[in-house]
Amino acid sequence: MDSLERLLLYRKKLILPRIYQVINWFMWITYFCAILFLATLVYEHGFMISSDEAKAIRIWGTERNVY
């Protein structure tokens, strides 16, 4: 067999693992960027809470400091 036939016969062993490795890297990079994007959205805009919840948080915060 010449080298071209050998490459075609063994392409699963030679080429596919490298392709899967690159795809796996891109998957993790994309996943990390998505998490980072969501974290920046939460940091910039925060969570919306109702006025009743804000009052409850203020009351809880003041009671905590009273000895």
C-alpha atoms as a PDB file:
ATOM      1  CA  MET A   1       0.000   0.000   0.000  1.00  0.00           C
ATOM      2  CA  ASP A   2       1.200   3.442  -0.719  1.00  0.00           C
ATOM      3  CA  SER A   3       0.974   6.236   1.827  1.00  0.00           C
ATOM      4  CA  LEU A   4      -2.199   7.790   0.380  1.00  0.00           C
ATOM      5  CA  GLU A   5      -4.149   4.543   0.703  1.00  0.00           C
ATOM      6  CA  ARG A   6      -2.812   4.067   4.200  1.00  0.00           C
ATOM      7  CA  LEU A   7      -3.925   7.580   5.129  1.00  0.00           C
ATOM      8  CA  LEU A   8      -7.400   6.921   3.790  1.00  0.00           C
ATOM      9  CA  LEU A   9      -7.649   3.587   5.580  1.00  0.00           C
ATOM     10  CA  TYR A  10      -6.511   4.949   8.918  1.00  0.00           C
ATOM     11  CA  ARG A  11      -8.162   8.350   8.759  1.00  0.00           C
ATOM     12  CA  LYS A  12     -10.318   7.586  11.785  1.00  0.00           C
ATOM     13  CA  LYS A  13      -7.188   7.073  13.828  1.00  0.00           C
ATOM     14  CA  LEU A  14      -5.282  10.014  12.366  1.00  0.00           C
ATOM     15  CA  ILE A  15      -7.693  12.811  11.526  1.00  0.00           C
ATOM     16  CA  LEU A  16     -10.943  12.382  13.430  1.00  0.00           C
ATOM     17  CA  PRO A  17      -9.472  12.616  16.966  1.00  0.00           C
ATOM     18  CA  ARG A  18      -7.898  15.972  16.064  1.00  0.00           C
ATOM     19  CA  ILE A  19     -11.168  17.254  14.612  1.00  0.00           C
ATOM     20  CA  TYR A  20     -13.078  16.159  17.705  1.00  0.00           C
ATOM     21  CA  GLN A  21     -10.465  17.829  19.907  1.00  0.00           C
ATOM     22  CA  VAL A  22     -10.817  21.157  18.074  1.00  0.00           C
ATOM     23  CA  ILE A  23     -14.620  20.941  18.198  1.00  0.00           C
ATOM     24  CA  ASN A  24     -14.416  20.204  21.933  1.00  0.00           C
ATOM     25  CA  TRP A  25     -12.209  23.294  22.471  1.00  0.00           C
ATOM     26  CA  PHE A  26     -14.665  25.499  20.595  1.00  0.00           C
ATOM     27  CA  MET A  27     -17.535  24.035  22.587  1.00  0.00           C
ATOM     28  CA  TRP A  28     -15.880  24.913  25.905  1.00  0.00           C
ATOM     29  CA  ILE A  29     -14.885  28.391  24.702  1.00  0.00           C
ATOM     30  CA  THR A  30     -18.469  29.028  23.576  1.00  0.00           C
ATOM     31  CA  TYR A  31     -19.842  27.721  26.866  1.00  0.00           C
ATOM     32  CA  PHE A  32     -17.490  29.950  28.870  1.00  0.00           C
ATOM     33  CA  CYS A  33     -18.363  33.024  26.783  1.00  0.00           C
ATOM     34  CA  ALA A  34     -22.089  32.374  27.251  1.00  0.00           C
ATOM     35  CA  ILE A  35     -21.682  32.132  31.031  1.00  0.00           C
ATOM     36  CA  LEU A  36     -19.569  35.292  31.012  1.00  0.00           C
ATOM     37  CA  PHE A  37     -22.196  37.113  28.950  1.00  0.00           C
ATOM     38  CA  LEU A  38     -24.983  36.113  31.338  1.00  0.00           C
ATOM     39  CA  ALA A  39     -22.890  37.162  34.328  1.00  0.00           C
ATOM     40  CA  THR A  40     -22.254  40.591  32.809  1.00  0.00           C
ATOM     41  CA  LEU A  41     -25.968  41.040  32.126  1.00  0.00           C
ATOM     42  CA  VAL A  42     -26.788  40.239  35.737  1.00  0.00           C
ATOM     43  CA  TYR A  43     -24.017  42.552  36.928  1.00  0.00           C
ATOM     44  CA  GLU A  44     -25.150  45.430  34.714  1.00  0.00           C
ATOM     45  CA  HIS A  45     -28.910  45.201  35.217  1.00  0.00           C
ATOM     46  CA  GLY A  46     -29.312  43.130  38.353  1.00  0.00           C
ATOM     47  CA  PHE A  47     -32.420  41.270  39.346  1.00  0.00           C
ATOM     48  CA  MET A  48     -35.699  43.150  39.419  1.00  0.00           C
ATOM     49  CA  ILE A  49     -37.486  42.895  42.766  1.00  0.00           C
ATOM     50  CA  SER A  50     -40.847  44.243  43.837  1.00  0.00           C
ATOM     51  CA  SER A  51     -41.286  47.103  46.285  1.00  0.00           C
ATOM     52  CA  ASP A  52     -42.625  44.696  48.917  1.00  0.00           C
ATOM     53  CA  GLU A  53     -39.477  42.604  48.656  1.00  0.00           C
ATOM     54  CA  ALA A  54     -37.316  45.728  48.908  1.00  0.00           C
ATOM     55  CA  LYS A  55     -39.165  46.759  52.081  1.00  0.00           C
ATOM     56  CA  ALA A  56     -38.730  43.274  53.546  1.00  0.00           C
ATOM     57  CA  ILE A  57     -35.014  43.390  52.817  1.00  0.00           C
ATOM     58  CA  ARG A  58     -34.686  46.826  54.451  1.00  0.00           C
ATOM     59  CA  ILE A  59     -36.623  45.689  57.533  1.00  0.00           C
ATOM     60  CA  TRP A  60     -34.582  42.507  57.812  1.00  0.00           C
ATOM     61  CA  GLY A  61     -31.362  44.494  57.462  1.00  0.00           C
ATOM     62  CA  THR A  62     -32.288  46.951  60.211  1.00  0.00           C
ATOM     63  CA  GLU A  63     -33.465  44.242  62.626  1.00  0.00           C
ATOM     64  CA  ARG A  64     -30.233  42.418  62.212  1.00  0.00           C
ATOM     65  CA  ASN A  65     -28.178  45.354  63.490  1.00  0.00           C
ATOM     66  CA  VAL A  66     -30.338  45.870  66.612  1.00  0.00           C
ATOM     67  CA  TYR A  67     -28.910  44.176  69.693  1.00  0.00           C
END
